[in-house]
Amino acid sequence: MLSKDFDFEKSIKELEKIAESLENEKISLDESIALFEKGVTLSKECSEYLENAKQKIVTLTEKESEANG
């Protein structure tokens, strides 16, 4: 479950930084694993956020169709 202060745009930017670090920086295996784990967590949170947004849109669209229907 997402926290109320979840910031989608901030999380996407952080994911981009993690990807760049993993691709371009010379970091230790332990650091790489830690970054990868953080990236997986952020990715799951972003997916959950997008799924919730999609569901809201579907619900609103269905309500609008029923009202006009």
C-alpha atoms as a PDB file:
ATOM      1  CA  MET A   1       0.000   0.000   0.000  1.00  0.00           C
ATOM      2  CA  LEU A   2       1.280   3.407  -0.966  1.00  0.00           C
ATOM      3  CA  SER A   3       1.876   6.064   1.636  1.00  0.00           C
ATOM      4  CA  LYS A   4      -0.184   9.235   1.396  1.00  0.00           C
ATOM      5  CA  ASP A   5       2.929  11.273   0.645  1.00  0.00           C
ATOM      6  CA  PHE A   6       3.966   9.113  -2.331  1.00  0.00           C
ATOM      7  CA  ASP A   7       5.256  11.301  -5.174  1.00  0.00           C
ATOM      8  CA  PHE A   8       5.083   9.559  -8.550  1.00  0.00           C
ATOM      9  CA  GLU A   9       7.238  12.057 -10.440  1.00  0.00           C
ATOM     10  CA  LYS A  10       9.915  12.046  -7.732  1.00  0.00           C
ATOM     11  CA  SER A  11       9.948   8.239  -7.758  1.00  0.00           C
ATOM     12  CA  ILE A  12      10.343   8.113 -11.547  1.00  0.00           C
ATOM     13  CA  LYS A  13      13.277  10.541 -11.355  1.00  0.00           C
ATOM     14  CA  GLU A  14      14.850   8.417  -8.641  1.00  0.00           C
ATOM     15  CA  LEU A  15      14.404   5.301 -10.779  1.00  0.00           C
ATOM     16  CA  GLU A  16      16.149   7.092 -13.642  1.00  0.00           C
ATOM     17  CA  LYS A  17      19.076   7.997 -11.366  1.00  0.00           C
ATOM     18  CA  ILE A  18      19.321   4.410 -10.157  1.00  0.00           C
ATOM     19  CA  ALA A  19      19.361   3.105 -13.735  1.00  0.00           C
ATOM     20  CA  GLU A  20      22.066   5.599 -14.706  1.00  0.00           C
ATOM     21  CA  SER A  21      24.160   4.642 -11.683  1.00  0.00           C
ATOM     22  CA  LEU A  22      23.866   0.953 -12.446  1.00  0.00           C
ATOM     23  CA  GLU A  23      24.765   1.513 -16.097  1.00  0.00           C
ATOM     24  CA  ASN A  24      27.509   4.125 -15.854  1.00  0.00           C
ATOM     25  CA  GLU A  25      29.109   4.196 -12.441  1.00  0.00           C
ATOM     26  CA  LYS A  26      31.753   1.877 -11.157  1.00  0.00           C
ATOM     27  CA  ILE A  27      30.181   0.735  -7.910  1.00  0.00           C
ATOM     28  CA  SER A  28      30.641  -2.333  -5.788  1.00  0.00           C
ATOM     29  CA  LEU A  29      28.470  -5.405  -6.094  1.00  0.00           C
ATOM     30  CA  ASP A  30      26.893  -4.666  -2.715  1.00  0.00           C
ATOM     31  CA  GLU A  31      26.037  -1.117  -3.800  1.00  0.00           C
ATOM     32  CA  SER A  32      24.637  -2.441  -7.080  1.00  0.00           C
ATOM     33  CA  ILE A  33      22.432  -4.928  -5.258  1.00  0.00           C
ATOM     34  CA  ALA A  34      21.169  -2.255  -2.860  1.00  0.00           C
ATOM     35  CA  LEU A  35      20.349   0.088  -5.748  1.00  0.00           C
ATOM     36  CA  PHE A  36      18.655  -2.713  -7.644  1.00  0.00           C
ATOM     37  CA  GLU A  37      16.506  -3.592  -4.614  1.00  0.00           C
ATOM     38  CA  LYS A  38      15.517   0.052  -4.189  1.00  0.00           C
ATOM     39  CA  GLY A  39      14.677   0.232  -7.892  1.00  0.00           C
ATOM     40  CA  VAL A  40      12.456  -2.836  -7.688  1.00  0.00           C
ATOM     41  CA  THR A  41      10.602  -1.342  -4.730  1.00  0.00           C
ATOM     42  CA  LEU A  42      10.135   1.995  -6.502  1.00  0.00           C
ATOM     43  CA  SER A  43       8.984   0.223  -9.651  1.00  0.00           C
ATOM     44  CA  LYS A  44       6.334  -1.707  -7.726  1.00  0.00           C
ATOM     45  CA  GLU A  45       5.133   1.473  -6.032  1.00  0.00           C
ATOM     46  CA  CYS A  46       4.897   3.307  -9.359  1.00  0.00           C
ATOM     47  CA  SER A  47       2.988   0.406 -10.899  1.00  0.00           C
ATOM     48  CA  GLU A  48       0.567   0.387  -7.979  1.00  0.00           C
ATOM     49  CA  TYR A  49       0.085   4.144  -8.301  1.00  0.00           C
ATOM     50  CA  LEU A  50      -0.643   3.844 -12.022  1.00  0.00           C
ATOM     51  CA  GLU A  51      -3.047   0.954 -11.463  1.00  0.00           C
ATOM     52  CA  ASN A  52      -4.931   3.006  -8.855  1.00  0.00           C
ATOM     53  CA  ALA A  53      -5.105   5.958 -11.257  1.00  0.00           C
ATOM     54  CA  LYS A  54      -6.381   3.690 -14.024  1.00  0.00           C
ATOM     55  CA  GLN A  55      -9.068   2.297 -11.740  1.00  0.00           C
ATOM     56  CA  LYS A  56     -10.204   5.798 -10.765  1.00  0.00           C
ATOM     57  CA  ILE A  57     -10.521   6.734 -14.433  1.00  0.00           C
ATOM     58  CA  VAL A  58     -12.497   3.581 -15.211  1.00  0.00           C
ATOM     59  CA  THR A  59     -14.815   4.203 -12.255  1.00  0.00           C
ATOM     60  CA  LEU A  60     -15.393   7.843 -13.209  1.00  0.00           C
ATOM     61  CA  THR A  61     -16.001   6.926 -16.843  1.00  0.00           C
ATOM     62  CA  GLU A  62     -18.510   4.244 -15.868  1.00  0.00           C
ATOM     63  CA  LYS A  63     -20.352   6.652 -13.559  1.00  0.00           C
ATOM     64  CA  GLU A  64     -20.483   9.266 -16.326  1.00  0.00           C
ATOM     65  CA  SER A  65     -21.832   6.690 -18.796  1.00  0.00           C
ATOM     66  CA  GLU A  66     -24.510   5.577 -16.340  1.00  0.00           C
ATOM     67  CA  ALA A  67     -25.551   9.172 -15.676  1.00  0.00           C
ATOM     68  CA  ASN A  68     -25.902   9.906 -19.376  1.00  0.00           C
ATOM     69  CA  GLY A  69     -27.151   6.523 -20.334  1.00  0.00           C
END
